[in-house]
């Protein structure tokens, strides 16, 4: 299956699919943190007709509820971010997963199909993550764990804080690759 992971600089989701034999590529305006199949560009520059599955993690800076106190000063940026979300959801790819935290996408574009937590996939942490799905089943939890805490929320200030908060948990990436990767064989 040809898989594009949009707005991913970490290579975590890409590598989970590659490990299962898929032709997976990450795409981001940033270079990849890991060697591998990576397209360094804006995802809007790509031919979207060659992909079977598109998983995208668009920037949440102007969309997440955690930044709501600044929304009144970011109306233009938020409108542009929402236009990008609409574009991503409309690409001609048979299966799409758009991932973002709880925020304005739910009220402006539509409610997510699923909200997942890292503790459902082997990580003892909380980070509510919304999934908008097109022709994909809900992710089934793979390893529910106790000892839940908000590591991402407690990330200390630093130049890389946004990067550290945005990386996909490996347990979630593995679940996506295992569960959605099987659809190709059906």
N, C-alpha and C. Protein backbone atom coordinates (compact mmCIF):
# COMPACT_ATOMS: atom_id res chain seq x y z
N UNK A 1 0.86 -1.18 0.00
CA UNK A 1 0.00 0.00 0.00
C UNK A 1 0.89 1.23 0.00
N UNK A 2 0.51 2.25 -0.73
CA UNK A 2 1.22 3.52 -0.76
C UNK A 2 0.63 4.43 0.32
N UNK A 3 1.47 4.78 1.29
CA UNK A 3 1.01 5.53 2.47
C UNK A 3 1.78 6.84 2.55
N UNK A 4 1.06 7.93 2.69
CA UNK A 4 1.67 9.24 2.90
C UNK A 4 1.32 9.72 4.30
N UNK A 5 2.35 10.07 5.06
CA UNK A 5 2.15 10.64 6.39
C UNK A 5 2.48 12.12 6.26
N UNK A 6 1.45 12.94 6.23
CA UNK A 6 1.63 14.37 6.03
C UNK A 6 1.91 15.11 7.33
N UNK A 7 2.72 16.14 7.20
CA UNK A 7 3.09 16.98 8.34
C UNK A 7 3.75 16.15 9.44
N UNK A 8 4.65 15.26 9.03
CA UNK A 8 5.39 14.42 9.99
C UNK A 8 6.88 14.58 9.76
N UNK A 9 7.57 15.16 10.74
CA UNK A 9 9.02 15.30 10.67
C UNK A 9 9.72 14.19 11.46
N UNK A 10 8.99 13.48 12.32
CA UNK A 10 9.60 12.50 13.21
C UNK A 10 9.88 11.15 12.53
N UNK A 11 9.08 10.79 11.54
CA UNK A 11 9.23 9.49 10.89
C UNK A 11 8.64 8.33 11.68
N UNK A 12 7.98 8.59 12.78
CA UNK A 12 7.47 7.53 13.66
C UNK A 12 6.36 6.73 12.98
N UNK A 13 5.36 7.40 12.44
CA UNK A 13 4.26 6.69 11.78
C UNK A 13 4.74 6.06 10.48
N UNK A 14 5.52 6.82 9.72
CA UNK A 14 6.08 6.30 8.46
C UNK A 14 6.81 4.98 8.69
N UNK A 15 7.69 4.95 9.70
CA UNK A 15 8.49 3.76 9.95
C UNK A 15 7.66 2.57 10.43
N UNK A 16 6.56 2.84 11.13
CA UNK A 16 5.68 1.75 11.56
C UNK A 16 5.06 1.05 10.35
N UNK A 17 4.70 1.82 9.32
CA UNK A 17 4.15 1.23 8.10
C UNK A 17 5.23 0.54 7.28
N UNK A 18 6.40 1.14 7.18
CA UNK A 18 7.50 0.52 6.44
C UNK A 18 7.85 -0.83 7.05
N UNK A 19 7.87 -0.90 8.38
CA UNK A 19 8.19 -2.14 9.08
C UNK A 19 7.24 -3.27 8.68
N UNK A 20 6.04 -2.92 8.24
CA UNK A 20 5.05 -3.92 7.84
C UNK A 20 4.99 -4.10 6.32
N UNK A 21 5.99 -3.59 5.63
CA UNK A 21 6.10 -3.84 4.20
C UNK A 21 5.41 -2.85 3.28
N UNK A 22 4.94 -1.74 3.79
CA UNK A 22 4.25 -0.76 2.96
C UNK A 22 5.23 0.26 2.38
N UNK A 23 4.86 0.85 1.28
CA UNK A 23 5.61 1.94 0.67
C UNK A 23 5.15 3.23 1.35
N UNK A 24 5.77 3.57 2.45
CA UNK A 24 5.34 4.71 3.25
C UNK A 24 6.36 5.84 3.17
N UNK A 25 5.82 7.05 3.09
CA UNK A 25 6.63 8.26 3.01
C UNK A 25 6.09 9.29 3.98
N UNK A 26 6.99 10.01 4.63
CA UNK A 26 6.58 11.16 5.42
C UNK A 26 6.82 12.40 4.57
N UNK A 27 6.10 13.46 4.90
CA UNK A 27 6.22 14.72 4.18
C UNK A 27 6.07 15.86 5.19
N UNK A 28 7.00 16.79 5.14
CA UNK A 28 6.93 17.94 6.03
C UNK A 28 7.82 19.03 5.43
N UNK A 29 7.56 20.27 5.82
CA UNK A 29 8.44 21.36 5.39
C UNK A 29 9.78 21.28 6.12
N UNK A 30 9.82 20.53 7.21
CA UNK A 30 11.06 20.31 7.96
C UNK A 30 11.74 19.03 7.49
N UNK A 31 13.05 18.92 7.68
CA UNK A 31 13.71 17.64 7.38
C UNK A 31 13.26 16.58 8.39
N UNK A 32 13.40 15.33 8.02
CA UNK A 32 13.03 14.24 8.91
C UNK A 32 14.08 14.08 10.01
N UNK A 33 13.62 13.71 11.19
CA UNK A 33 14.54 13.43 12.30
C UNK A 33 15.24 12.10 12.12
N UNK A 34 14.65 11.22 11.31
CA UNK A 34 15.22 9.89 11.07
C UNK A 34 15.46 9.72 9.58
N UNK A 35 16.50 8.99 9.23
CA UNK A 35 16.73 8.68 7.83
C UNK A 35 15.58 7.83 7.31
N UNK A 36 15.24 8.00 6.06
CA UNK A 36 14.18 7.20 5.47
C UNK A 36 13.45 7.97 4.40
N UNK A 37 12.35 7.40 3.94
CA UNK A 37 11.54 7.99 2.87
C UNK A 37 10.90 9.27 3.37
N UNK A 38 11.42 10.39 2.92
CA UNK A 38 10.89 11.68 3.39
C UNK A 38 10.90 12.69 2.26
N UNK A 39 9.79 13.38 2.11
CA UNK A 39 9.66 14.44 1.12
C UNK A 39 9.63 15.77 1.89
N UNK A 40 10.66 16.58 1.71
CA UNK A 40 10.71 17.86 2.42
C UNK A 40 10.08 18.93 1.54
N UNK A 41 8.79 19.15 1.79
CA UNK A 41 8.03 20.14 1.03
C UNK A 41 6.67 20.31 1.71
N UNK A 42 5.91 21.24 1.19
CA UNK A 42 4.52 21.42 1.62
C UNK A 42 3.71 20.30 0.97
N UNK A 43 2.90 19.62 1.73
CA UNK A 43 2.12 18.48 1.22
C UNK A 43 1.23 18.89 0.05
N UNK A 44 0.86 20.16 -0.03
CA UNK A 44 0.02 20.64 -1.12
C UNK A 44 0.73 20.62 -2.47
N UNK A 45 2.06 20.42 -2.47
CA UNK A 45 2.83 20.38 -3.70
C UNK A 45 2.83 18.98 -4.33
N UNK A 46 2.31 17.98 -3.63
CA UNK A 46 2.40 16.59 -4.09
C UNK A 46 1.20 16.18 -4.94
N UNK A 47 1.43 15.17 -5.78
CA UNK A 47 0.36 14.52 -6.53
C UNK A 47 -0.34 13.57 -5.55
N UNK A 48 -1.52 13.92 -5.12
CA UNK A 48 -2.21 13.14 -4.09
C UNK A 48 -2.93 11.92 -4.67
N UNK A 49 -2.95 11.76 -5.98
CA UNK A 49 -3.69 10.64 -6.57
C UNK A 49 -2.95 9.31 -6.48
N UNK A 50 -1.69 9.29 -6.08
CA UNK A 50 -0.93 8.04 -6.06
C UNK A 50 -0.93 7.34 -4.70
N UNK A 51 -1.65 7.89 -3.74
CA UNK A 51 -1.63 7.34 -2.38
C UNK A 51 -2.91 6.55 -2.09
N UNK A 52 -2.76 5.46 -1.33
CA UNK A 52 -3.91 4.65 -0.91
C UNK A 52 -4.41 5.07 0.48
N UNK A 53 -3.49 5.58 1.29
CA UNK A 53 -3.80 5.99 2.66
C UNK A 53 -3.03 7.27 2.95
N UNK A 54 -3.72 8.23 3.54
CA UNK A 54 -3.13 9.52 3.89
C UNK A 54 -3.43 9.76 5.37
N UNK A 55 -2.37 9.78 6.17
CA UNK A 55 -2.49 10.11 7.60
C UNK A 55 -1.80 11.45 7.77
N UNK A 56 -2.49 12.41 8.30
CA UNK A 56 -1.93 13.77 8.36
C UNK A 56 -2.08 14.37 9.75
N UNK A 57 -1.02 15.04 10.17
CA UNK A 57 -0.93 15.67 11.49
C UNK A 57 -0.71 17.18 11.30
N UNK A 58 -1.72 17.92 10.85
CA UNK A 58 -1.50 19.34 10.56
C UNK A 58 -1.18 20.13 11.84
N UNK A 59 -0.43 21.22 11.68
CA UNK A 59 -0.09 22.04 12.85
C UNK A 59 -1.35 22.49 13.59
N UNK A 60 -1.29 22.44 14.91
CA UNK A 60 -2.46 22.78 15.73
C UNK A 60 -2.33 24.15 16.40
N UNK A 61 -1.27 24.87 16.08
CA UNK A 61 -0.97 26.13 16.76
C UNK A 61 -2.18 27.07 16.84
N UNK A 62 -2.91 27.19 15.76
CA UNK A 62 -4.04 28.14 15.72
C UNK A 62 -5.40 27.44 15.87
N UNK A 63 -5.36 26.13 16.22
CA UNK A 63 -6.60 25.35 16.27
C UNK A 63 -6.90 24.71 17.62
N UNK A 64 -5.88 24.38 18.39
CA UNK A 64 -6.06 23.62 19.64
C UNK A 64 -6.69 24.47 20.73
N UNK A 65 -7.57 23.84 21.49
CA UNK A 65 -8.23 24.53 22.61
C UNK A 65 -7.24 25.04 23.64
N UNK A 66 -6.08 24.40 23.73
CA UNK A 66 -5.08 24.84 24.70
C UNK A 66 -4.61 26.27 24.42
N UNK A 67 -4.79 26.76 23.20
CA UNK A 67 -4.40 28.12 22.87
C UNK A 67 -5.58 29.06 22.67
N UNK A 68 -6.74 28.67 23.17
CA UNK A 68 -7.97 29.44 22.94
C UNK A 68 -7.88 30.88 23.41
N UNK A 69 -7.11 31.14 24.45
CA UNK A 69 -7.04 32.51 24.97
C UNK A 69 -6.42 33.48 23.96
N UNK A 70 -5.72 32.96 22.95
CA UNK A 70 -5.12 33.81 21.93
C UNK A 70 -5.93 33.86 20.64
N UNK A 71 -7.03 33.12 20.54
CA UNK A 71 -7.79 33.03 19.30
C UNK A 71 -8.25 34.40 18.79
N UNK A 72 -8.66 35.30 19.68
CA UNK A 72 -9.19 36.59 19.22
C UNK A 72 -8.15 37.40 18.45
N UNK A 73 -6.86 37.14 18.71
CA UNK A 73 -5.79 37.85 18.01
C UNK A 73 -5.25 37.08 16.82
N UNK A 74 -5.82 35.93 16.52
CA UNK A 74 -5.31 35.06 15.45
C UNK A 74 -6.39 34.69 14.45
N UNK A 75 -7.34 35.53 14.24
CA UNK A 75 -8.46 35.16 13.37
C UNK A 75 -8.02 34.83 11.94
N UNK A 76 -7.10 35.61 11.38
CA UNK A 76 -6.60 35.34 10.02
C UNK A 76 -5.86 34.01 9.99
N UNK A 77 -4.96 33.79 10.95
CA UNK A 77 -4.18 32.54 11.00
C UNK A 77 -5.09 31.34 11.19
N UNK A 78 -6.11 31.50 12.04
CA UNK A 78 -7.03 30.39 12.28
C UNK A 78 -7.84 30.09 11.03
N UNK A 79 -8.29 31.10 10.32
CA UNK A 79 -9.04 30.89 9.08
C UNK A 79 -8.17 30.15 8.05
N UNK A 80 -6.90 30.54 7.94
CA UNK A 80 -5.99 29.86 7.01
C UNK A 80 -5.76 28.40 7.43
N UNK A 81 -5.62 28.17 8.74
CA UNK A 81 -5.43 26.80 9.24
C UNK A 81 -6.66 25.95 8.95
N UNK A 82 -7.85 26.50 9.11
CA UNK A 82 -9.07 25.76 8.82
C UNK A 82 -9.23 25.49 7.32
N UNK A 83 -8.81 26.42 6.48
CA UNK A 83 -8.82 26.18 5.04
C UNK A 83 -7.89 25.02 4.68
N UNK A 84 -6.73 24.96 5.35
CA UNK A 84 -5.79 23.86 5.14
C UNK A 84 -6.42 22.52 5.55
N UNK A 85 -7.13 22.51 6.67
CA UNK A 85 -7.82 21.30 7.13
C UNK A 85 -8.84 20.85 6.09
N UNK A 86 -9.61 21.78 5.58
CA UNK A 86 -10.61 21.44 4.55
C UNK A 86 -9.94 20.85 3.31
N UNK A 87 -8.80 21.43 2.91
CA UNK A 87 -8.07 20.91 1.75
C UNK A 87 -7.61 19.49 2.03
N UNK A 88 -7.03 19.25 3.20
CA UNK A 88 -6.52 17.92 3.56
C UNK A 88 -7.64 16.88 3.53
N UNK A 89 -8.80 17.22 4.06
CA UNK A 89 -9.90 16.27 4.11
C UNK A 89 -10.53 16.01 2.74
N UNK A 90 -10.27 16.88 1.79
CA UNK A 90 -10.87 16.75 0.46
C UNK A 90 -9.93 16.14 -0.59
N UNK A 91 -8.71 15.79 -0.22
CA UNK A 91 -7.78 15.24 -1.21
C UNK A 91 -8.34 13.92 -1.76
N UNK A 92 -7.99 13.60 -3.02
CA UNK A 92 -8.51 12.38 -3.65
C UNK A 92 -7.74 11.12 -3.25
N UNK A 93 -7.76 10.81 -1.97
CA UNK A 93 -7.13 9.60 -1.44
C UNK A 93 -8.26 8.76 -0.85
N UNK A 94 -8.30 7.45 -1.13
CA UNK A 94 -9.42 6.62 -0.67
C UNK A 94 -9.60 6.56 0.85
N UNK A 95 -8.49 6.57 1.59
CA UNK A 95 -8.57 6.47 3.05
C UNK A 95 -7.75 7.60 3.68
N UNK A 96 -8.39 8.31 4.61
CA UNK A 96 -7.72 9.46 5.24
C UNK A 96 -7.93 9.42 6.74
N UNK A 97 -6.88 9.76 7.48
CA UNK A 97 -6.97 10.03 8.91
C UNK A 97 -6.34 11.39 9.15
N UNK A 98 -7.11 12.32 9.68
CA UNK A 98 -6.59 13.61 10.10
C UNK A 98 -6.56 13.61 11.61
N UNK A 99 -5.41 13.94 12.17
CA UNK A 99 -5.19 13.89 13.62
C UNK A 99 -4.94 15.30 14.13
N UNK A 100 -5.56 15.66 15.24
CA UNK A 100 -5.33 16.96 15.87
C UNK A 100 -5.88 16.90 17.30
N UNK A 101 -5.38 17.76 18.17
CA UNK A 101 -5.95 17.80 19.53
C UNK A 101 -7.35 18.40 19.53
N UNK A 102 -7.98 18.34 20.66
CA UNK A 102 -9.30 18.95 20.81
C UNK A 102 -9.18 20.44 20.51
N UNK A 103 -10.08 20.95 19.66
CA UNK A 103 -10.00 22.36 19.29
C UNK A 103 -11.14 22.78 18.38
N UNK A 104 -10.88 23.81 17.59
CA UNK A 104 -11.94 24.41 16.79
C UNK A 104 -12.36 23.60 15.57
N UNK A 105 -11.56 22.63 15.15
CA UNK A 105 -11.98 21.80 14.02
C UNK A 105 -13.34 21.16 14.33
N UNK A 106 -13.51 20.72 15.57
CA UNK A 106 -14.75 20.05 15.99
C UNK A 106 -15.98 20.94 15.83
N UNK A 107 -15.82 22.23 16.10
CA UNK A 107 -16.97 23.12 16.05
C UNK A 107 -17.18 23.72 14.66
N UNK A 108 -16.11 23.91 13.90
CA UNK A 108 -16.23 24.57 12.60
C UNK A 108 -16.42 23.57 11.46
N UNK A 109 -15.70 22.46 11.48
CA UNK A 109 -15.74 21.50 10.37
C UNK A 109 -16.57 20.27 10.69
N UNK A 110 -16.44 19.75 11.89
CA UNK A 110 -17.23 18.58 12.29
C UNK A 110 -16.57 17.84 13.43
N UNK A 111 -17.38 17.12 14.15
CA UNK A 111 -16.89 16.34 15.29
C UNK A 111 -15.95 15.23 14.80
N UNK A 112 -14.96 14.88 15.61
CA UNK A 112 -14.07 13.78 15.22
C UNK A 112 -14.83 12.45 15.27
N UNK A 113 -14.32 11.50 14.52
CA UNK A 113 -14.89 10.16 14.55
C UNK A 113 -14.46 9.41 15.81
N UNK A 114 -13.31 9.79 16.36
CA UNK A 114 -12.77 9.08 17.52
C UNK A 114 -11.83 10.00 18.29
N UNK A 115 -11.80 9.83 19.60
CA UNK A 115 -10.80 10.49 20.45
C UNK A 115 -10.03 9.39 21.15
N UNK A 116 -8.72 9.39 20.96
CA UNK A 116 -7.87 8.37 21.55
C UNK A 116 -6.94 9.00 22.58
N UNK A 117 -6.34 8.14 23.41
CA UNK A 117 -5.38 8.55 24.43
C UNK A 117 -4.15 7.64 24.33
N UNK A 118 -2.96 8.15 24.63
CA UNK A 118 -1.76 7.29 24.61
C UNK A 118 -1.88 6.08 25.53
N UNK A 119 -2.57 6.21 26.69
CA UNK A 119 -2.68 5.10 27.63
C UNK A 119 -3.48 3.92 27.06
N UNK A 120 -4.16 4.14 25.94
CA UNK A 120 -4.89 3.05 25.27
C UNK A 120 -3.95 2.20 24.41
N UNK A 121 -2.70 2.70 24.22
CA UNK A 121 -1.76 2.06 23.31
C UNK A 121 -0.39 1.85 23.96
N UNK A 122 -0.37 1.64 25.28
CA UNK A 122 0.86 1.26 25.97
C UNK A 122 1.68 2.37 26.59
N UNK A 123 1.21 3.60 26.56
CA UNK A 123 1.96 4.72 27.15
C UNK A 123 1.20 5.23 28.37
N UNK A 124 1.86 5.39 29.51
CA UNK A 124 1.14 5.79 30.73
C UNK A 124 0.88 7.29 30.79
N UNK A 125 0.33 7.84 29.72
CA UNK A 125 0.16 9.28 29.65
C UNK A 125 -1.21 9.64 29.09
N UNK A 126 -1.59 10.89 29.33
CA UNK A 126 -2.83 11.42 28.75
C UNK A 126 -2.48 12.46 27.69
N UNK A 127 -3.21 12.45 26.62
CA UNK A 127 -3.13 13.46 25.56
C UNK A 127 -4.28 13.16 24.61
N UNK A 128 -5.43 13.77 24.89
CA UNK A 128 -6.60 13.52 24.05
C UNK A 128 -6.29 13.91 22.62
N UNK A 129 -6.46 12.96 21.71
CA UNK A 129 -6.14 13.16 20.30
C UNK A 129 -7.36 12.79 19.46
N UNK A 130 -7.81 13.74 18.67
CA UNK A 130 -8.99 13.52 17.83
C UNK A 130 -8.57 12.96 16.48
N UNK A 131 -9.39 12.04 15.96
CA UNK A 131 -9.17 11.47 14.64
C UNK A 131 -10.42 11.69 13.79
N UNK A 132 -10.23 12.29 12.63
CA UNK A 132 -11.28 12.40 11.63
C UNK A 132 -10.93 11.37 10.57
N UNK A 133 -11.84 10.44 10.34
CA UNK A 133 -11.54 9.28 9.51
C UNK A 133 -12.41 9.23 8.25
N UNK A 134 -11.79 8.86 7.13
CA UNK A 134 -12.51 8.63 5.88
C UNK A 134 -12.19 7.20 5.44
N UNK A 135 -13.21 6.35 5.40
CA UNK A 135 -13.07 4.95 4.98
C UNK A 135 -12.07 4.16 5.82
N UNK A 136 -11.97 4.49 7.08
CA UNK A 136 -11.10 3.78 8.02
C UNK A 136 -11.91 3.40 9.25
N UNK A 137 -11.65 2.22 9.81
CA UNK A 137 -12.32 1.86 11.06
C UNK A 137 -11.69 2.60 12.24
N UNK A 138 -12.43 2.65 13.32
CA UNK A 138 -11.88 3.22 14.56
C UNK A 138 -10.68 2.39 14.99
N UNK A 139 -9.69 3.04 15.59
CA UNK A 139 -8.55 2.30 16.14
C UNK A 139 -8.98 1.56 17.40
N UNK A 140 -8.62 0.30 17.49
CA UNK A 140 -8.91 -0.47 18.69
C UNK A 140 -7.74 -0.34 19.65
N UNK A 141 -8.00 -0.09 20.95
CA UNK A 141 -6.91 -0.04 21.92
C UNK A 141 -6.10 -1.34 21.88
N UNK A 142 -4.80 -1.23 22.08
CA UNK A 142 -3.92 -2.39 22.00
C UNK A 142 -3.29 -2.77 23.32
N UNK A 143 -3.17 -1.81 24.24
CA UNK A 143 -2.49 -2.09 25.50
C UNK A 143 -2.85 -0.99 26.50
N UNK A 144 -3.96 -1.16 27.19
CA UNK A 144 -4.41 -0.17 28.16
C UNK A 144 -3.53 -0.25 29.40
N UNK A 145 -2.96 0.88 29.79
CA UNK A 145 -2.05 0.92 30.95
C UNK A 145 -2.55 1.91 32.00
N UNK A 146 -2.08 1.70 33.22
CA UNK A 146 -2.42 2.58 34.35
C UNK A 146 -1.31 3.62 34.52
N UNK A 147 -1.38 4.41 35.59
CA UNK A 147 -0.36 5.38 35.90
C UNK A 147 -0.36 6.56 34.95
N UNK A 148 -1.52 7.06 34.65
CA UNK A 148 -1.67 8.09 33.63
C UNK A 148 -1.30 9.49 34.15
N UNK A 149 -0.50 10.20 33.35
CA UNK A 149 -0.13 11.57 33.70
C UNK A 149 0.01 12.39 32.42
N UNK A 150 -0.02 13.68 32.55
CA UNK A 150 0.03 14.57 31.40
C UNK A 150 1.44 15.06 31.08
N UNK A 151 2.30 14.18 30.60
CA UNK A 151 3.69 14.55 30.28
C UNK A 151 3.74 15.67 29.24
N UNK A 152 2.96 15.56 28.20
CA UNK A 152 2.99 16.55 27.13
C UNK A 152 2.58 17.91 27.65
N UNK A 153 1.56 17.94 28.48
CA UNK A 153 1.07 19.20 29.06
C UNK A 153 2.14 19.82 29.94
N UNK A 154 2.95 18.99 30.60
CA UNK A 154 3.99 19.48 31.52
C UNK A 154 5.33 19.73 30.85
N UNK A 155 5.40 19.60 29.56
CA UNK A 155 6.65 19.84 28.83
C UNK A 155 7.18 21.24 29.17
N UNK A 156 8.41 21.34 29.68
CA UNK A 156 8.93 22.66 30.07
C UNK A 156 9.19 23.55 28.85
N UNK A 157 9.19 24.84 29.06
CA UNK A 157 9.48 25.76 27.95
C UNK A 157 10.87 25.49 27.37
N UNK A 158 10.93 25.48 26.05
CA UNK A 158 12.20 25.32 25.34
C UNK A 158 11.93 25.61 23.86
N UNK A 159 13.00 25.83 23.09
CA UNK A 159 12.78 26.05 21.65
C UNK A 159 12.14 24.85 20.95
N UNK A 160 12.34 23.64 21.49
CA UNK A 160 11.78 22.43 20.87
C UNK A 160 10.50 21.94 21.54
N UNK A 161 9.91 22.74 22.39
CA UNK A 161 8.69 22.31 23.11
C UNK A 161 7.61 21.87 22.15
N UNK A 162 7.37 22.64 21.11
CA UNK A 162 6.31 22.30 20.16
C UNK A 162 6.60 20.98 19.46
N UNK A 163 7.87 20.72 19.15
CA UNK A 163 8.23 19.46 18.51
C UNK A 163 7.99 18.28 19.46
N UNK A 164 8.43 18.45 20.70
CA UNK A 164 8.27 17.37 21.68
C UNK A 164 6.80 17.06 21.95
N UNK A 165 5.97 18.08 21.89
CA UNK A 165 4.54 17.88 22.13
C UNK A 165 3.83 17.30 20.92
N UNK A 166 4.42 17.43 19.73
CA UNK A 166 3.69 17.03 18.52
C UNK A 166 4.02 15.63 18.02
N UNK A 167 5.04 14.99 18.53
CA UNK A 167 5.40 13.66 18.04
C UNK A 167 4.30 12.63 18.38
N UNK A 168 4.03 11.75 17.43
CA UNK A 168 3.07 10.68 17.63
C UNK A 168 3.70 9.62 18.54
N UNK A 169 2.93 9.11 19.47
CA UNK A 169 3.40 8.03 20.35
C UNK A 169 3.58 6.77 19.51
N UNK A 170 4.66 6.04 19.78
CA UNK A 170 4.95 4.84 18.98
C UNK A 170 3.85 3.80 19.07
N UNK A 171 3.20 3.65 20.23
CA UNK A 171 2.11 2.68 20.36
C UNK A 171 0.94 3.02 19.45
N UNK A 172 0.66 4.30 19.29
CA UNK A 172 -0.42 4.73 18.38
C UNK A 172 -0.01 4.47 16.94
N UNK A 173 1.23 4.81 16.60
CA UNK A 173 1.73 4.56 15.24
C UNK A 173 1.68 3.08 14.90
N UNK A 174 2.08 2.24 15.84
CA UNK A 174 2.06 0.78 15.62
C UNK A 174 0.63 0.29 15.41
N UNK A 175 -0.32 0.83 16.19
CA UNK A 175 -1.72 0.42 16.03
C UNK A 175 -2.26 0.84 14.66
N UNK A 176 -1.92 2.04 14.22
CA UNK A 176 -2.35 2.49 12.89
C UNK A 176 -1.81 1.55 11.81
N UNK A 177 -0.52 1.27 11.89
CA UNK A 177 0.11 0.43 10.86
C UNK A 177 -0.44 -0.99 10.88
N UNK A 178 -0.64 -1.54 12.06
CA UNK A 178 -1.14 -2.91 12.18
C UNK A 178 -2.60 -3.00 11.73
N UNK A 179 -3.44 -2.12 12.25
CA UNK A 179 -4.88 -2.22 11.99
C UNK A 179 -5.27 -1.67 10.62
N UNK A 180 -4.76 -0.52 10.23
CA UNK A 180 -5.13 0.05 8.95
C UNK A 180 -4.30 -0.54 7.82
N UNK A 181 -3.11 -1.01 8.12
CA UNK A 181 -2.28 -1.65 7.10
C UNK A 181 -2.89 -2.93 6.58
N UNK A 182 -3.68 -3.61 7.40
CA UNK A 182 -4.36 -4.84 6.98
C UNK A 182 -5.43 -4.58 5.93
N UNK A 183 -5.97 -3.37 5.87
CA UNK A 183 -7.05 -3.06 4.93
C UNK A 183 -6.58 -3.22 3.49
N UNK A 184 -5.31 -3.04 3.26
CA UNK A 184 -4.75 -3.16 1.92
C UNK A 184 -4.90 -4.58 1.39
N UNK A 185 -4.86 -5.54 2.28
CA UNK A 185 -4.93 -6.94 1.88
C UNK A 185 -6.36 -7.42 1.65
N UNK A 186 -7.33 -6.61 2.04
CA UNK A 186 -8.74 -7.03 1.90
C UNK A 186 -9.22 -6.90 0.48
